[in-house]
Every structure is written in C-alpha cells, then in structure tokens.
Amino acid sequence: MKQTFYSNGKLLITGEYLVLDGAKAFALPTKFGQNLIIEPANGKIIHWKSFDSDGSIWFEDTIPFASIIRKERFDDAKSIKNTLIGILHEAYLMNADFISNEKGYNIKTELTFPKFWGLGTSSTLINNIAQWLQIDAFELLKRSFGGSGYDIACAQNCTPVLYQIVNEKPVVEAISFNPDFTDKIFFVYLNKKQSSKAAIASYYSRQGNVQHAVTKINTITKTVIEATTAKEFAKALQNHEIEMSNILELPTAKEALFPDFDGVIKSLGAWGGDFVMSISKENPTDYFKSKGFEIVIPYKEMIL
C-alpha cells in the first residue's frame, strides 16, 4: 500500500546558535516542504529516488537492508548514501519492524523548494521518516544529524513556534504571529547554502559564558513576537544582530553585504548563507537584484 508523508520547511527568526544553550527561539514554518512516498517492493532492498523541486533527480541509489542493519559505509563519493544509511540505521534501532517485517521498498522524496535554498532538506526528511515509522523525530535528529531541533518543530507545526530546550528536552509552543506589517518583510537568498553542522561547530569554538546573552536574546525574542509596528519589530531584530555579531565575532549580514540598504537585515539560522530577512518601508526587490541577489520572496509567499 502506498503511503505519503509531508513536512514543512523552516526559517529561524531569533535565537540562532543560542537555542543550543537554552535560549527561546522564534521560528516560522514555510509554505515549502518535502514529501516522502513509500511503496512496497521485493528483494530486501530500498530503491531510493530524491527529486528536486524542478522534477530533476538529485540522488538515486539502492540500499540493501543489510547495509542499514550494519550501518555500512561507502567511499566519500557516496556521502549522501552514507548519510541516508546513517539515518535509516538509527531509525532501525528505534523501530526495527520496517526492516524485520517487510520485503523491500520503492521510496521517493519530493522537495517543493530548490534543494540549495536550505529550508530543511534534512529536517523534513527526518520528520517524514519518523512519521512513517512512528518514532520520535527529535530523537532521530539527535541520533543522526544533531542540532537544536527547532526545524523538527517547524516540520510538525503549521503555525509559528516558540522553541526551547529544557533539561535536554524540546519544548514547543505554538504561538500567534500575524502582524499587519508583513508586507514590509521579504526573504532574500544569499546565493550559497550554509552547513548547519559547520556553523554550530564554529559557534562552540567561539563560545564563552553565554548565559547573559541567552537572557538578552529571550527578551529580544519576546519583543519581536509582540511587536505591533514594523519599526519596533525591525529595531528588536537589529539589536539581535548586534548581539550575535559580538558573540560570533562576525560582521552582520548588512555590514558585510548591504551596508547601504535603507532598512534592517536579519540573518536567519546559520550565519553566512541561506536566507536573510529584510524589513523596509519600500519593496526592496530591485535593490537586492541590483546587488546580484535574484531570489527575493515576500513574507506571505514564504510563510504558512
């Protein structure tokens, strides 16, 4: 019997990096996401195909059940296959039935956003696998990729979320966020994908005593969520950028790329790649395109 699962993509608005140390993170699920389609087959093997949003196949391979059970590794040219086997191996340890009681599978994944956008290719896959096997997606993420888990919270929720790690456990609160100034908010792709793993490692290498920063970011996040004007919202996000710039010892995205922009630029998630958010009085599309950034998406086209 054919089964289909779907998970939302994500954008982290506040709390990047510090969410790993207990800060409250404000995140938005996107209108874009990923499907997982499972069909039974034979041969104790998985025939896997991953489709990008344009219908092209970006990964295709066969994975024997035996490779999943023993977590077989292939050479570096097969890095995607190795990663996938690692996820499926951890899933097998959490629920062996999909290997023990079945003959084989044809599996497809279908992204509804371009893979290079960084909206959660991995997190949507992990959440879809967890739905399929009825296991805890946060635990599967922890065992495979690591990370805070805010992206899993977005994958599972169709409303904005406030996310926090408390006593090493995820706490997810669905919240209301629908201000009347969303027409001032745009998302801009920076023409390169940032590795979350590398960014997190860099954060830990720079990290000092961050508890004071956690308290400050939590206050900023509250202001962001409760803002009633675009000016208040933008000012809070600007303060967030300054705080994180000091912690990471990196220039803000505005300082590095858009110093003449008439408005506020907020980095989202891992600094240095993927998307930034802009808040400005006028539509900034022409400005960003003049700088070579062609992908500019209005809030209401991006966010659920």
C-alpha atoms as a PDB file:
ATOM      1  CA  MET A   1       0.000   0.000   0.000  1.00  0.00           C
ATOM      2  CA  LYS A   2       1.323   3.429  -0.995  1.00  0.00           C
ATOM      3  CA  GLN A   3       1.956   5.857   1.883  1.00  0.00           C
ATOM      4  CA  THR A   4       2.698   9.586   1.611  1.00  0.00           C
ATOM      5  CA  PHE A   5       4.061  11.866   4.319  1.00  0.00           C
ATOM      6  CA  TYR A   6       4.770  15.602   4.272  1.00  0.00           C
ATOM      7  CA  SER A   7       6.782  18.012   6.456  1.00  0.00           C
ATOM      8  CA  ASN A   8       7.147  21.801   6.411  1.00  0.00           C
ATOM      9  CA  GLY A   9      10.350  23.675   5.806  1.00  0.00           C
ATOM     10  CA  LYS A  10      11.629  26.238   8.323  1.00  0.00           C
ATOM     11  CA  LEU A  11      13.145  29.642   8.955  1.00  0.00           C
ATOM     12  CA  LEU A  12      14.695  30.542  12.306  1.00  0.00           C
ATOM     13  CA  ILE A  13      13.968  34.193  13.083  1.00  0.00           C
ATOM     14  CA  THR A  14      15.542  34.581  16.539  1.00  0.00           C
ATOM     15  CA  GLY A  15      17.710  32.504  18.845  1.00  0.00           C
ATOM     16  CA  GLU A  16      20.145  31.091  16.304  1.00  0.00           C
ATOM     17  CA  TYR A  17      23.027  29.222  17.938  1.00  0.00           C
ATOM     18  CA  LEU A  18      21.959  30.265  21.449  1.00  0.00           C
ATOM     19  CA  VAL A  19      18.971  27.930  21.200  1.00  0.00           C
ATOM     20  CA  LEU A  20      21.562  25.192  21.777  1.00  0.00           C
ATOM     21  CA  ASP A  21      22.204  26.730  25.206  1.00  0.00           C
ATOM     22  CA  GLY A  22      18.581  27.093  26.254  1.00  0.00           C
ATOM     23  CA  ALA A  23      17.527  30.333  24.574  1.00  0.00           C
ATOM     24  CA  LYS A  24      13.966  30.650  23.327  1.00  0.00           C
ATOM     25  CA  ALA A  25      13.896  30.538  19.545  1.00  0.00           C
ATOM     26  CA  PHE A  26      11.187  32.022  17.347  1.00  0.00           C
ATOM     27  CA  ALA A  27      10.736  30.016  14.146  1.00  0.00           C
ATOM     28  CA  LEU A  28       8.334  30.033  11.210  1.00  0.00           C
ATOM     29  CA  PRO A  29       7.236  27.021   9.140  1.00  0.00           C
ATOM     30  CA  THR A  30       7.269  27.689   5.404  1.00  0.00           C
ATOM     31  CA  LYS A  31       4.810  27.010   2.610  1.00  0.00           C
ATOM     32  CA  PHE A  32       7.585  24.900   1.107  1.00  0.00           C
ATOM     33  CA  GLY A  33       8.488  21.408   2.335  1.00  0.00           C
ATOM     34  CA  GLN A  34       9.118  17.806   1.321  1.00  0.00           C
ATOM     35  CA  ASN A  35       7.058  14.704   0.551  1.00  0.00           C
ATOM     36  CA  LEU A  36       8.090  11.123   1.325  1.00  0.00           C
ATOM     37  CA  ILE A  37       6.335   8.444  -0.739  1.00  0.00           C
ATOM     38  CA  ILE A  38       6.675   4.784   0.271  1.00  0.00           C
ATOM     39  CA  GLU A  39       5.607   1.810  -1.862  1.00  0.00           C
ATOM     40  CA  PRO A  40       6.218  -1.883  -1.124  1.00  0.00           C
ATOM     41  CA  ALA A  41       8.737  -3.809  -3.224  1.00  0.00           C
ATOM     42  CA  ASN A  42      10.800  -7.004  -3.022  1.00  0.00           C
ATOM     43  CA  GLY A  43      14.388  -8.081  -2.613  1.00  0.00           C
ATOM     44  CA  LYS A  44      15.159  -6.831   0.918  1.00  0.00           C
ATOM     45  CA  ILE A  45      16.331  -3.597  -0.643  1.00  0.00           C
ATOM     46  CA  ILE A  46      15.295   0.062  -0.848  1.00  0.00           C
ATOM     47  CA  HIS A  47      15.202   1.714  -4.274  1.00  0.00           C
ATOM     48  CA  TRP A  48      15.561   5.394  -3.380  1.00  0.00           C
ATOM     49  CA  LYS A  49      14.985   8.460  -5.595  1.00  0.00           C
ATOM     50  CA  SER A  50      15.146  12.075  -4.420  1.00  0.00           C
ATOM     51  CA  PHE A  51      13.574  14.742  -6.619  1.00  0.00           C
ATOM     52  CA  ASP A  52      14.336  18.457  -6.555  1.00  0.00           C
ATOM     53  CA  SER A  53      11.516  20.977  -6.950  1.00  0.00           C
ATOM     54  CA  ASP A  54      12.076  21.180 -10.716  1.00  0.00           C
ATOM     55  CA  GLY A  55      11.477  17.432 -11.077  1.00  0.00           C
ATOM     56  CA  SER A  56      15.149  16.548 -11.574  1.00  0.00           C
ATOM     57  CA  ILE A  57      16.636  13.619  -9.656  1.00  0.00           C
ATOM     58  CA  TRP A  58      19.399  14.808  -7.326  1.00  0.00           C
ATOM     59  CA  PHE A  59      20.015  11.446  -5.654  1.00  0.00           C
ATOM     60  CA  GLU A  60      19.280   7.874  -6.707  1.00  0.00           C
ATOM     61  CA  ASP A  61      20.638   4.621  -5.320  1.00  0.00           C
ATOM     62  CA  THR A  62      19.746   1.213  -3.944  1.00  0.00           C
ATOM     63  CA  ILE A  63      20.282   0.382  -0.287  1.00  0.00           C
ATOM     64  CA  PRO A  64      20.158  -3.244   0.873  1.00  0.00           C
ATOM     65  CA  PHE A  65      18.508  -3.884   4.225  1.00  0.00           C
ATOM     66  CA  ALA A  66      21.785  -5.462   5.330  1.00  0.00           C
ATOM     67  CA  SER A  67      23.609  -2.137   4.782  1.00  0.00           C
ATOM     68  CA  ILE A  68      21.127  -0.386   7.066  1.00  0.00           C
ATOM     69  CA  ILE A  69      21.386  -3.021   9.792  1.00  0.00           C
ATOM     70  CA  ARG A  70      25.173  -2.884   9.979  1.00  0.00           C
ATOM     71  CA  LYS A  71      25.456   0.825   9.046  1.00  0.00           C
ATOM     72  CA  GLU A  72      27.674   0.092   6.085  1.00  0.00           C
ATOM     73  CA  ARG A  73      29.823   2.969   4.848  1.00  0.00           C
ATOM     74  CA  PHE A  74      30.841   3.520   1.259  1.00  0.00           C
ATOM     75  CA  ASP A  75      33.636   5.719  -0.136  1.00  0.00           C
ATOM     76  CA  ASP A  76      33.415   9.506   0.072  1.00  0.00           C
ATOM     77  CA  ALA A  77      31.867   9.742  -3.380  1.00  0.00           C
ATOM     78  CA  LYS A  78      28.802   8.158  -1.799  1.00  0.00           C
ATOM     79  CA  SER A  79      28.482  10.711   1.026  1.00  0.00           C
ATOM     80  CA  ILE A  80      24.731  11.205   0.519  1.00  0.00           C
ATOM     81  CA  LYS A  81      24.199   7.445   0.585  1.00  0.00           C
ATOM     82  CA  ASN A  82      26.289   7.175   3.773  1.00  0.00           C
ATOM     83  CA  THR A  83      24.235   9.929   5.424  1.00  0.00           C
ATOM     84  CA  LEU A  84      20.974   8.269   4.425  1.00  0.00           C
ATOM     85  CA  ILE A  85      22.132   4.878   5.689  1.00  0.00           C
ATOM     86  CA  GLY A  86      23.118   6.541   8.972  1.00  0.00           C
ATOM     87  CA  ILE A  87      19.613   7.995   9.410  1.00  0.00           C
ATOM     88  CA  LEU A  88      17.917   4.724   8.472  1.00  0.00           C
ATOM     89  CA  HIS A  89      20.217   2.754  10.783  1.00  0.00           C
ATOM     90  CA  GLU A  90      19.232   4.953  13.746  1.00  0.00           C
ATOM     91  CA  ALA A  91      15.580   4.614  12.723  1.00  0.00           C
ATOM     92  CA  TYR A  92      16.067   0.821  12.616  1.00  0.00           C
ATOM     93  CA  LEU A  93      17.431   0.863  16.170  1.00  0.00           C
ATOM     94  CA  MET A  94      14.306   2.766  17.241  1.00  0.00           C
ATOM     95  CA  ASN A  95      11.836   0.572  15.333  1.00  0.00           C
ATOM     96  CA  ALA A  96      13.189  -2.490  13.536  1.00  0.00           C
ATOM     97  CA  ASP A  97       9.838  -3.531  12.075  1.00  0.00           C
ATOM     98  CA  PHE A  98      10.324  -1.739   8.764  1.00  0.00           C
ATOM     99  CA  ILE A  99      13.312  -3.992   8.085  1.00  0.00           C
ATOM    100  CA  SER A 100      12.356  -7.118  10.014  1.00  0.00           C
ATOM    101  CA  ASN A 101       8.798  -7.489   8.737  1.00  0.00           C
ATOM    102  CA  GLU A 102       8.963  -6.147   5.180  1.00  0.00           C
ATOM    103  CA  LYS A 103      10.295  -7.319   1.799  1.00  0.00           C
ATOM    104  CA  GLY A 104      11.549  -4.067   0.325  1.00  0.00           C
ATOM    105  CA  TYR A 105      10.544  -0.561  -0.726  1.00  0.00           C
ATOM    106  CA  ASN A 106      10.438   1.929  -3.552  1.00  0.00           C
ATOM    107  CA  ILE A 107      10.897   5.309  -1.861  1.00  0.00           C
ATOM    108  CA  LYS A 108      10.669   8.785  -3.368  1.00  0.00           C
ATOM    109  CA  THR A 109      11.293  12.168  -1.793  1.00  0.00           C
ATOM    110  CA  GLU A 110       9.958  15.305  -3.461  1.00  0.00           C
ATOM    111  CA  LEU A 111      11.088  18.790  -2.456  1.00  0.00           C
ATOM    112  CA  THR A 112       8.723  21.687  -3.135  1.00  0.00           C
ATOM    113  CA  PHE A 113      11.641  24.157  -2.812  1.00  0.00           C
ATOM    114  CA  PRO A 114      15.025  24.132  -4.581  1.00  0.00           C
ATOM    115  CA  LYS A 115      17.412  21.949  -2.600  1.00  0.00           C
ATOM    116  CA  PHE A 116      20.039  24.687  -2.385  1.00  0.00           C
ATOM    117  CA  TRP A 117      17.710  27.063  -0.502  1.00  0.00           C
ATOM    118  CA  GLY A 118      18.413  25.436   2.859  1.00  0.00           C
ATOM    119  CA  LEU A 119      14.825  25.409   4.088  1.00  0.00           C
ATOM    120  CA  GLY A 120      15.201  21.975   5.670  1.00  0.00           C
ATOM    121  CA  THR A 121      16.045  19.183   3.231  1.00  0.00           C
ATOM    122  CA  SER A 122      17.388  17.111   6.128  1.00  0.00           C
ATOM    123  CA  SER A 123      14.873  18.039   8.830  1.00  0.00           C
ATOM    124  CA  THR A 124      11.867  17.416   6.579  1.00  0.00           C
ATOM    125  CA  LEU A 125      13.331  14.037   5.616  1.00  0.00           C
ATOM    126  CA  ILE A 126      13.927  13.063   9.244  1.00  0.00           C
ATOM    127  CA  ASN A 127      10.447  14.126  10.287  1.00  0.00           C
ATOM    128  CA  ASN A 128       8.903  12.242   7.358  1.00  0.00           C
ATOM    129  CA  ILE A 129      10.840   9.065   8.214  1.00  0.00           C
ATOM    130  CA  ALA A 130       9.754   9.450  11.844  1.00  0.00           C
ATOM    131  CA  GLN A 131       6.099   9.787  10.776  1.00  0.00           C
ATOM    132  CA  TRP A 132       6.412   6.721   8.581  1.00  0.00           C
ATOM    133  CA  LEU A 133       7.956   4.564  11.315  1.00  0.00           C
ATOM    134  CA  GLN A 134       6.026   6.161  14.191  1.00  0.00           C
ATOM    135  CA  ILE A 135       9.144   7.113  16.122  1.00  0.00           C
ATOM    136  CA  ASP A 136      10.243  10.335  17.841  1.00  0.00           C
ATOM    137  CA  ALA A 137      11.591  12.749  15.212  1.00  0.00           C
ATOM    138  CA  PHE A 138      13.518  14.808  17.794  1.00  0.00           C
ATOM    139  CA  GLU A 139      15.287  11.664  18.999  1.00  0.00           C
ATOM    140  CA  LEU A 140      16.044  10.577  15.428  1.00  0.00           C
ATOM    141  CA  LEU A 141      17.546  14.000  14.712  1.00  0.00           C
ATOM    142  CA  LYS A 142      19.637  13.824  17.887  1.00  0.00           C
ATOM    143  CA  ARG A 143      20.978  10.384  16.944  1.00  0.00           C
ATOM    144  CA  SER A 144      21.761  11.296  13.327  1.00  0.00           C
ATOM    145  CA  PHE A 145      22.395  14.960  12.453  1.00  0.00           C
ATOM    146  CA  GLY A 146      22.281  16.625  15.827  1.00  0.00           C
ATOM    147  CA  GLY A 147      21.235  20.255  16.156  1.00  0.00           C
ATOM    148  CA  SER A 148      18.688  22.052  18.278  1.00  0.00           C
ATOM    149  CA  GLY A 149      15.509  20.539  16.832  1.00  0.00           C
ATOM    150  CA  TYR A 150      13.678  23.798  16.064  1.00  0.00           C
ATOM    151  CA  ASP A 151      13.496  22.628  12.444  1.00  0.00           C
ATOM    152  CA  ILE A 152      11.623  19.481  13.523  1.00  0.00           C
ATOM    153  CA  ALA A 153       9.182  21.692  15.433  1.00  0.00           C
ATOM    154  CA  CYS A 154       8.520  23.633  12.212  1.00  0.00           C
ATOM    155  CA  ALA A 155       8.209  20.400  10.229  1.00  0.00           C
ATOM    156  CA  GLN A 156       5.433  19.299  12.579  1.00  0.00           C
ATOM    157  CA  ASN A 157       3.539  22.577  13.047  1.00  0.00           C
ATOM    158  CA  CYS A 158       1.602  24.825  10.699  1.00  0.00           C
ATOM    159  CA  THR A 159       1.804  27.860  12.976  1.00  0.00           C
ATOM    160  CA  PRO A 160       4.734  29.938  14.249  1.00  0.00           C
ATOM    161  CA  VAL A 161       6.530  28.298  17.147  1.00  0.00           C
ATOM    162  CA  LEU A 162       8.490  29.302  20.203  1.00  0.00           C
ATOM    163  CA  TYR A 163      11.067  26.580  20.749  1.00  0.00           C
ATOM    164  CA  GLN A 164      13.325  25.898  23.714  1.00  0.00           C
ATOM    165  CA  ILE A 165      15.479  23.062  25.019  1.00  0.00           C
ATOM    166  CA  VAL A 166      14.686  22.481  28.699  1.00  0.00           C
ATOM    167  CA  ASN A 167      16.564  19.752  30.582  1.00  0.00           C
ATOM    168  CA  GLU A 168      17.765  18.432  27.209  1.00  0.00           C
ATOM    169  CA  LYS A 169      14.161  18.013  26.009  1.00  0.00           C
ATOM    170  CA  PRO A 170      12.386  20.017  23.291  1.00  0.00           C
ATOM    171  CA  VAL A 171       9.585  22.302  24.406  1.00  0.00           C
ATOM    172  CA  VAL A 172       7.396  23.535  21.549  1.00  0.00           C
ATOM    173  CA  GLU A 173       4.774  26.246  21.939  1.00  0.00           C
ATOM    174  CA  ALA A 174       2.527  27.111  19.008  1.00  0.00           C
ATOM    175  CA  ILE A 175       2.058  30.883  19.008  1.00  0.00           C
ATOM    176  CA  SER A 176       0.131  33.526  17.113  1.00  0.00           C
ATOM    177  CA  PHE A 177       2.143  35.854  14.879  1.00  0.00           C
ATOM    178  CA  ASN A 178       0.271  37.712  12.192  1.00  0.00           C
ATOM    179  CA  PRO A 179       1.171  41.396  12.388  1.00  0.00           C
ATOM    180  CA  ASP A 180      -0.262  43.867   9.912  1.00  0.00           C
ATOM    181  CA  PHE A 181       3.216  44.805   8.652  1.00  0.00           C
ATOM    182  CA  THR A 182       4.146  41.520   6.971  1.00  0.00           C
ATOM    183  CA  ASP A 183       4.053  43.377   3.624  1.00  0.00           C
ATOM    184  CA  LYS A 184       7.289  45.059   4.801  1.00  0.00           C
ATOM    185  CA  ILE A 185       9.061  41.705   5.272  1.00  0.00           C
ATOM    186  CA  PHE A 186      10.965  39.909   2.495  1.00  0.00           C
ATOM    187  CA  PHE A 187      13.292  36.905   2.434  1.00  0.00           C
ATOM    188  CA  VAL A 188      16.452  37.080   0.336  1.00  0.00           C
ATOM    189  CA  TYR A 189      18.551  34.090  -0.713  1.00  0.00           C
ATOM    190  CA  LEU A 190      22.286  34.765  -0.358  1.00  0.00           C
ATOM    191  CA  ASN A 191      23.282  32.544  -3.314  1.00  0.00           C
ATOM    192  CA  LYS A 192      25.003  29.947  -1.139  1.00  0.00           C
ATOM    193  CA  LYS A 193      23.949  27.205   1.232  1.00  0.00           C
ATOM    194  CA  GLN A 194      25.444  27.172   4.716  1.00  0.00           C
ATOM    195  CA  SER A 195      26.337  23.951   6.512  1.00  0.00           C
ATOM    196  CA  SER A 196      24.490  23.862   9.828  1.00  0.00           C
ATOM    197  CA  LYS A 197      26.971  21.368  11.275  1.00  0.00           C
ATOM    198  CA  ALA A 198      29.951  23.566  10.400  1.00  0.00           C
ATOM    199  CA  ALA A 199      28.213  26.678  11.716  1.00  0.00           C
ATOM    200  CA  ILE A 200      27.375  25.010  15.034  1.00  0.00           C
ATOM    201  CA  ALA A 201      30.966  23.787  15.412  1.00  0.00           C
ATOM    202  CA  SER A 202      32.189  27.326  14.781  1.00  0.00           C
ATOM    203  CA  TYR A 203      29.780  28.673  17.412  1.00  0.00           C
ATOM    204  CA  TYR A 204      31.040  26.248  20.049  1.00  0.00           C
ATOM    205  CA  SER A 205      34.656  27.153  19.266  1.00  0.00           C
ATOM    206  CA  ARG A 206      33.935  30.842  19.964  1.00  0.00           C
ATOM    207  CA  GLN A 207      31.602  30.366  22.874  1.00  0.00           C
ATOM    208  CA  GLY A 208      32.353  31.878  26.261  1.00  0.00           C
ATOM    209  CA  ASN A 209      29.848  32.382  29.044  1.00  0.00           C
ATOM    210  CA  VAL A 210      26.651  32.807  27.070  1.00  0.00           C
ATOM    211  CA  GLN A 211      24.035  32.801  29.830  1.00  0.00           C
ATOM    212  CA  HIS A 212      23.869  36.590  29.916  1.00  0.00           C
ATOM    213  CA  ALA A 213      23.396  36.559  26.153  1.00  0.00           C
ATOM    214  CA  VAL A 214      20.632  33.930  26.455  1.00  0.00           C
ATOM    215  CA  THR A 215      18.691  36.208  28.818  1.00  0.00           C
ATOM    216  CA  LYS A 216      19.143  39.174  26.477  1.00  0.00           C
ATOM    217  CA  ILE A 217      18.076  37.201  23.399  1.00  0.00           C
ATOM    218  CA  ASN A 218      14.995  35.886  25.219  1.00  0.00           C
ATOM    219  CA  THR A 219      13.957  39.476  25.941  1.00  0.00           C
ATOM    220  CA  ILE A 220      14.503  40.437  22.302  1.00  0.00           C
ATOM    221  CA  THR A 221      12.506  37.424  21.106  1.00  0.00           C
ATOM    222  CA  LYS A 222       9.566  38.451  23.296  1.00  0.00           C
ATOM    223  CA  THR A 223       9.685  41.939  21.792  1.00  0.00           C
ATOM    224  CA  VAL A 224       9.832  40.542  18.248  1.00  0.00           C
ATOM    225  CA  ILE A 225       6.789  38.323  18.768  1.00  0.00           C
ATOM    226  CA  GLU A 226       4.742  41.033  20.479  1.00  0.00           C
ATOM    227  CA  ALA A 227       5.730  43.937  18.196  1.00  0.00           C
ATOM    228  CA  THR A 228       2.778  45.941  16.916  1.00  0.00           C
ATOM    229  CA  THR A 229       4.695  48.152  14.472  1.00  0.00           C
ATOM    230  CA  ALA A 230       7.277  47.450  11.793  1.00  0.00           C
ATOM    231  CA  LYS A 231       9.625  49.949  13.467  1.00  0.00           C
ATOM    232  CA  GLU A 232       9.505  48.120  16.809  1.00  0.00           C
ATOM    233  CA  PHE A 233       9.931  44.752  15.077  1.00  0.00           C
ATOM    234  CA  ALA A 234      12.887  45.957  12.997  1.00  0.00           C
ATOM    235  CA  LYS A 235      14.633  47.618  15.955  1.00  0.00           C
ATOM    236  CA  ALA A 236      14.430  44.422  18.015  1.00  0.00           C
ATOM    237  CA  LEU A 237      15.884  42.354  15.166  1.00  0.00           C
ATOM    238  CA  GLN A 238      18.664  44.904  14.692  1.00  0.00           C
ATOM    239  CA  ASN A 239      19.550  44.524  18.376  1.00  0.00           C
ATOM    240  CA  HIS A 240      19.552  40.744  17.902  1.00  0.00           C
ATOM    241  CA  GLU A 241      22.015  41.076  15.007  1.00  0.00           C
ATOM    242  CA  ILE A 242      24.352  43.244  17.077  1.00  0.00           C
ATOM    243  CA  GLU A 243      24.271  40.790  19.992  1.00  0.00           C
ATOM    244  CA  MET A 244      25.004  37.768  17.779  1.00  0.00           C
ATOM    245  CA  SER A 245      27.702  39.649  15.863  1.00  0.00           C
ATOM    246  CA  ASN A 246      29.536  40.224  19.143  1.00  0.00           C
ATOM    247  CA  ILE A 247      29.168  36.576  20.200  1.00  0.00           C
ATOM    248  CA  LEU A 248      30.217  35.089  16.860  1.00  0.00           C
ATOM    249  CA  GLU A 249      32.866  37.740  16.188  1.00  0.00           C
ATOM    250  CA  LEU A 250      31.478  38.134  12.685  1.00  0.00           C
ATOM    251  CA  PRO A 251      30.112  41.149  10.824  1.00  0.00           C
ATOM    252  CA  THR A 252      26.359  41.288  10.421  1.00  0.00           C
ATOM    253  CA  ALA A 253      24.889  40.447   7.020  1.00  0.00           C
ATOM    254  CA  LYS A 254      24.077  44.124   6.498  1.00  0.00           C
ATOM    255  CA  GLU A 255      27.632  45.204   7.324  1.00  0.00           C
ATOM    256  CA  ALA A 256      29.133  42.536   5.071  1.00  0.00           C
ATOM    257  CA  LEU A 257      26.792  42.676   2.074  1.00  0.00           C
ATOM    258  CA  PHE A 258      24.260  45.503   2.231  1.00  0.00           C
ATOM    259  CA  PRO A 259      25.766  48.499   4.074  1.00  0.00           C
ATOM    260  CA  ASP A 260      23.746  50.982   2.009  1.00  0.00           C
ATOM    261  CA  PHE A 261      20.374  49.221   2.496  1.00  0.00           C
ATOM    262  CA  ASP A 262      17.638  51.502   3.797  1.00  0.00           C
ATOM    263  CA  GLY A 263      16.179  49.150   6.376  1.00  0.00           C
ATOM    264  CA  VAL A 264      17.095  46.246   8.650  1.00  0.00           C
ATOM    265  CA  ILE A 265      18.641  42.929   7.593  1.00  0.00           C
ATOM    266  CA  LYS A 266      18.365  39.901   9.881  1.00  0.00           C
ATOM    267  CA  SER A 267      20.431  36.723   9.401  1.00  0.00           C
ATOM    268  CA  LEU A 268      18.341  33.570   9.661  1.00  0.00           C
ATOM    269  CA  GLY A 269      19.751  30.339  11.061  1.00  0.00           C
ATOM    270  CA  ALA A 270      23.394  29.713  10.219  1.00  0.00           C
ATOM    271  CA  TRP A 271      25.203  32.998   9.548  1.00  0.00           C
ATOM    272  CA  GLY A 272      26.874  33.340   6.162  1.00  0.00           C
ATOM    273  CA  GLY A 273      24.420  31.545   3.888  1.00  0.00           C
ATOM    274  CA  ASP A 274      20.862  30.561   3.081  1.00  0.00           C
ATOM    275  CA  PHE A 275      18.303  33.349   3.633  1.00  0.00           C
ATOM    276  CA  VAL A 276      18.219  36.721   5.327  1.00  0.00           C
ATOM    277  CA  MET A 277      15.107  38.673   6.222  1.00  0.00           C
ATOM    278  CA  SER A 278      14.712  42.310   5.276  1.00  0.00           C
ATOM    279  CA  ILE A 279      12.370  44.870   6.818  1.00  0.00           C
ATOM    280  CA  SER A 280      11.942  48.151   4.964  1.00  0.00           C
ATOM    281  CA  LYS A 281       9.338  50.793   4.083  1.00  0.00           C
ATOM    282  CA  GLU A 282       9.590  50.153   0.328  1.00  0.00           C
ATOM    283  CA  ASN A 283       9.642  46.903  -1.651  1.00  0.00           C
ATOM    284  CA  PRO A 284      13.381  46.053  -1.729  1.00  0.00           C
ATOM    285  CA  THR A 285      13.328  43.601  -4.655  1.00  0.00           C
ATOM    286  CA  ASP A 286      15.023  45.914  -7.148  1.00  0.00           C
ATOM    287  CA  TYR A 287      17.720  46.819  -4.615  1.00  0.00           C
ATOM    288  CA  PHE A 288      18.644  43.194  -3.922  1.00  0.00           C
ATOM    289  CA  LYS A 289      18.549  42.231  -7.613  1.00  0.00           C
ATOM    290  CA  SER A 290      20.888  45.132  -8.394  1.00  0.00           C
ATOM    291  CA  LYS A 291      23.316  43.533  -5.925  1.00  0.00           C
ATOM    292  CA  GLY A 292      23.077  40.143  -7.667  1.00  0.00           C
ATOM    293  CA  PHE A 293      20.556  38.505  -5.326  1.00  0.00           C
ATOM    294  CA  GLU A 294      17.752  37.361  -7.605  1.00  0.00           C
ATOM    295  CA  ILE A 295      15.629  35.361  -5.156  1.00  0.00           C
ATOM    296  CA  VAL A 296      13.517  37.776  -3.116  1.00  0.00           C
ATOM    297  CA  ILE A 297      10.338  36.299  -1.633  1.00  0.00           C
ATOM    298  CA  PRO A 298       7.560  38.260   0.123  1.00  0.00           C
ATOM    299  CA  TYR A 299       6.544  37.066   3.592  1.00  0.00           C
ATOM    300  CA  LYS A 300       3.109  35.850   2.529  1.00  0.00           C
ATOM    301  CA  GLU A 301       4.577  33.739  -0.279  1.00  0.00           C
ATOM    302  CA  MET A 302       7.120  32.106   2.047  1.00  0.00           C
ATOM    303  CA  ILE A 303       5.436  31.615   5.425  1.00  0.00           C
ATOM    304  CA  LEU A 304       2.498  29.339   6.229  1.00  0.00           C
END
